[in-house]
Amino acid sequence: MQAAETHYLDNGYTFHIPPVSYRRRVCVPLLMAVAPGGKSRAKHMLVFNGSWVTEAKAEGAIFPGGSSMPDTACNSWNTYIEPNQAVSIQAVSEGSNGGYALPSITVLIGQD
């Protein structure tokens, strides 16, 4: 896919993609969550047309001896937008105990 449009969207912002007369491909190349400590948790979720479609989820771990292990998770996603179809896309993040997700996503749109 050669991207004709590139959009940079903050988490929580709903981006509406208007309809066109041809088929397009939409791609989110990176969702990323980081849990830097043993009790940390984080999720970076993607919502497409109001429905959850994928996520990157990280959960730190604490071992019986008291040592902790961080965790990271990455994911990507793509689909097609049929001709004359309008869609929406949004990234949502959650984190606790120091866990975090990237603050935004990149959305690539191109002709298939």
C-alpha atoms as a PDB file:
ATOM      1  CA  MET A   1       0.000   0.000   0.000  1.00  0.00           C
ATOM      2  CA  GLN A   2       1.225   3.472  -0.853  1.00  0.00           C
ATOM      3  CA  ALA A   3      -0.198   5.958   1.640  1.00  0.00           C
ATOM      4  CA  ALA A   4      -2.075   8.859   0.082  1.00  0.00           C
ATOM      5  CA  GLU A   5      -2.966  10.351   3.480  1.00  0.00           C
ATOM      6  CA  THR A   6      -1.200  10.319   6.841  1.00  0.00           C
ATOM      7  CA  HIS A   7      -3.006  11.405  10.008  1.00  0.00           C
ATOM      8  CA  TYR A   8      -1.606  11.785  13.526  1.00  0.00           C
ATOM      9  CA  LEU A   9      -4.361  11.376  16.132  1.00  0.00           C
ATOM     10  CA  ASP A  10      -4.229  11.917  19.876  1.00  0.00           C
ATOM     11  CA  ASN A  11      -5.750   9.197  22.048  1.00  0.00           C
ATOM     12  CA  GLY A  12      -9.425   9.874  22.711  1.00  0.00           C
ATOM     13  CA  TYR A  13      -9.967  11.840  19.488  1.00  0.00           C
ATOM     14  CA  THR A  14     -12.495  10.299  17.078  1.00  0.00           C
ATOM     15  CA  PHE A  15     -11.432  10.800  13.457  1.00  0.00           C
ATOM     16  CA  HIS A  16     -14.177  10.582  10.843  1.00  0.00           C
ATOM     17  CA  ILE A  17     -13.045   9.402   7.410  1.00  0.00           C
ATOM     18  CA  PRO A  18     -15.460  10.633   4.726  1.00  0.00           C
ATOM     19  CA  PRO A  19     -16.731   8.438   1.876  1.00  0.00           C
ATOM     20  CA  VAL A  20     -15.137   8.390  -1.578  1.00  0.00           C
ATOM     21  CA  SER A  21     -16.058   6.515  -4.751  1.00  0.00           C
ATOM     22  CA  TYR A  22     -13.180   4.010  -4.586  1.00  0.00           C
ATOM     23  CA  ARG A  23     -11.950   1.289  -2.202  1.00  0.00           C
ATOM     24  CA  ARG A  24      -9.253   2.291   0.293  1.00  0.00           C
ATOM     25  CA  ARG A  25      -7.016   0.579   2.787  1.00  0.00           C
ATOM     26  CA  VAL A  26      -6.510   1.987   6.282  1.00  0.00           C
ATOM     27  CA  CYS A  27      -3.565   1.003   8.467  1.00  0.00           C
ATOM     28  CA  VAL A  28      -2.492   1.778  12.037  1.00  0.00           C
ATOM     29  CA  PRO A  29       1.162   0.649  12.092  1.00  0.00           C
ATOM     30  CA  LEU A  30       1.764   0.872  15.860  1.00  0.00           C
ATOM     31  CA  LEU A  31      -0.188   0.487  19.069  1.00  0.00           C
ATOM     32  CA  MET A  32       2.138   0.266  22.085  1.00  0.00           C
ATOM     33  CA  ALA A  33       1.701  -0.286  25.822  1.00  0.00           C
ATOM     34  CA  VAL A  34       4.435  -0.193  28.481  1.00  0.00           C
ATOM     35  CA  ALA A  35       4.302  -1.567  32.042  1.00  0.00           C
ATOM     36  CA  PRO A  36       7.640  -0.528  33.616  1.00  0.00           C
ATOM     37  CA  GLY A  37       7.120  -2.104  37.063  1.00  0.00           C
ATOM     38  CA  GLY A  38       5.802  -5.250  38.668  1.00  0.00           C
ATOM     39  CA  LYS A  39       2.346  -3.858  39.430  1.00  0.00           C
ATOM     40  CA  SER A  40       2.082  -1.756  36.252  1.00  0.00           C
ATOM     41  CA  ARG A  41      -0.587  -2.349  33.650  1.00  0.00           C
ATOM     42  CA  ALA A  42      -1.310  -0.599  30.363  1.00  0.00           C
ATOM     43  CA  LYS A  43      -3.520  -0.968  27.277  1.00  0.00           C
ATOM     44  CA  HIS A  44      -3.599   0.841  23.932  1.00  0.00           C
ATOM     45  CA  MET A  45      -6.889  -0.002  22.220  1.00  0.00           C
ATOM     46  CA  LEU A  46      -8.263   0.748  18.764  1.00  0.00           C
ATOM     47  CA  VAL A  47     -11.945   1.461  18.091  1.00  0.00           C
ATOM     48  CA  PHE A  48     -13.201   1.327  14.487  1.00  0.00           C
ATOM     49  CA  ASN A  49     -16.775   2.389  13.679  1.00  0.00           C
ATOM     50  CA  GLY A  50     -17.631   2.269  17.376  1.00  0.00           C
ATOM     51  CA  SER A  51     -16.365  -1.291  17.920  1.00  0.00           C
ATOM     52  CA  TRP A  52     -13.160  -2.434  19.603  1.00  0.00           C
ATOM     53  CA  VAL A  53     -10.948  -4.161  17.027  1.00  0.00           C
ATOM     54  CA  THR A  54      -7.517  -4.725  18.616  1.00  0.00           C
ATOM     55  CA  GLU A  55      -5.195  -3.732  21.454  1.00  0.00           C
ATOM     56  CA  ALA A  56      -1.668  -3.852  22.807  1.00  0.00           C
ATOM     57  CA  LYS A  57      -1.738  -4.943  26.463  1.00  0.00           C
ATOM     58  CA  ALA A  58       1.216  -4.990  28.897  1.00  0.00           C
ATOM     59  CA  GLU A  59       1.260  -6.300  32.465  1.00  0.00           C
ATOM     60  CA  GLY A  60       4.287  -6.264  34.756  1.00  0.00           C
ATOM     61  CA  ALA A  61       4.974  -9.223  37.032  1.00  0.00           C
ATOM     62  CA  ILE A  62       6.240  -9.691  40.594  1.00  0.00           C
ATOM     63  CA  PHE A  63       8.071 -12.931  41.421  1.00  0.00           C
ATOM     64  CA  PRO A  64       7.853 -14.726  44.785  1.00  0.00           C
ATOM     65  CA  GLY A  65      11.328 -13.440  45.758  1.00  0.00           C
ATOM     66  CA  GLY A  66      10.131  -9.863  45.348  1.00  0.00           C
ATOM     67  CA  SER A  67      11.864  -9.038  42.085  1.00  0.00           C
ATOM     68  CA  SER A  68       9.740  -7.499  39.360  1.00  0.00           C
ATOM     69  CA  MET A  69       9.695  -7.736  35.605  1.00  0.00           C
ATOM     70  CA  PRO A  70       8.507  -5.022  33.207  1.00  0.00           C
ATOM     71  CA  ASP A  71       6.482  -5.741  30.088  1.00  0.00           C
ATOM     72  CA  THR A  72       5.844  -4.083  26.736  1.00  0.00           C
ATOM     73  CA  ALA A  73       3.407  -4.933  23.964  1.00  0.00           C
ATOM     74  CA  CYS A  74       3.045  -3.781  20.365  1.00  0.00           C
ATOM     75  CA  ASN A  75       0.379  -4.397  17.763  1.00  0.00           C
ATOM     76  CA  SER A  76      -0.713  -3.122  14.353  1.00  0.00           C
ATOM     77  CA  TRP A  77      -3.980  -3.268  12.431  1.00  0.00           C
ATOM     78  CA  ASN A  78      -5.364  -2.732   8.934  1.00  0.00           C
ATOM     79  CA  THR A  79      -8.601  -3.133   7.020  1.00  0.00           C
ATOM     80  CA  TYR A  80     -10.403  -1.940   3.911  1.00  0.00           C
ATOM     81  CA  ILE A  81     -12.948   0.824   3.486  1.00  0.00           C
ATOM     82  CA  GLU A  82     -15.414  -0.021   0.746  1.00  0.00           C
ATOM     83  CA  PRO A  83     -16.492   2.621  -1.832  1.00  0.00           C
ATOM     84  CA  ASN A  84     -18.954   5.241  -0.550  1.00  0.00           C
ATOM     85  CA  GLN A  85     -18.462   4.128   3.078  1.00  0.00           C
ATOM     86  CA  ALA A  86     -17.777   6.622   5.879  1.00  0.00           C
ATOM     87  CA  VAL A  87     -15.941   5.279   8.952  1.00  0.00           C
ATOM     88  CA  SER A  88     -14.552   6.486  12.269  1.00  0.00           C
ATOM     89  CA  ILE A  89     -11.376   5.506  14.112  1.00  0.00           C
ATOM     90  CA  GLN A  90     -10.191   6.233  17.646  1.00  0.00           C
ATOM     91  CA  ALA A  91      -7.370   5.132  19.969  1.00  0.00           C
ATOM     92  CA  VAL A  92      -8.008   4.755  23.703  1.00  0.00           C
ATOM     93  CA  SER A  93      -5.367   4.241  26.384  1.00  0.00           C
ATOM     94  CA  GLU A  94      -5.495   2.956  29.951  1.00  0.00           C
ATOM     95  CA  GLY A  95      -2.724   2.695  32.519  1.00  0.00           C
ATOM     96  CA  SER A  96      -2.239   2.041  36.218  1.00  0.00           C
ATOM     97  CA  ASN A  97       0.684   2.006  38.653  1.00  0.00           C
ATOM     98  CA  GLY A  98       2.984   3.742  36.184  1.00  0.00           C
ATOM     99  CA  GLY A  99       1.841   1.859  33.078  1.00  0.00           C
ATOM    100  CA  TYR A 100       1.265   3.915  29.942  1.00  0.00           C
ATOM    101  CA  ALA A 101       0.549   3.780  26.215  1.00  0.00           C
ATOM    102  CA  LEU A 102       1.809   5.933  23.393  1.00  0.00           C
ATOM    103  CA  PRO A 103      -0.094   9.252  23.449  1.00  0.00           C
ATOM    104  CA  SER A 104      -1.237   9.000  19.845  1.00  0.00           C
ATOM    105  CA  ILE A 105      -1.532   6.841  16.728  1.00  0.00           C
ATOM    106  CA  THR A 106      -0.619   7.277  13.098  1.00  0.00           C
ATOM    107  CA  VAL A 107      -3.317   6.398  10.562  1.00  0.00           C
ATOM    108  CA  LEU A 108      -2.316   5.709   6.962  1.00  0.00           C
ATOM    109  CA  ILE A 109      -4.930   5.712   4.205  1.00  0.00           C
ATOM    110  CA  GLY A 110      -4.237   4.636   0.647  1.00  0.00           C
ATOM    111  CA  GLN A 111      -5.724   3.085  -2.432  1.00  0.00           C
ATOM    112  CA  ASP A 112      -5.495  -0.672  -2.567  1.00  0.00           C
END
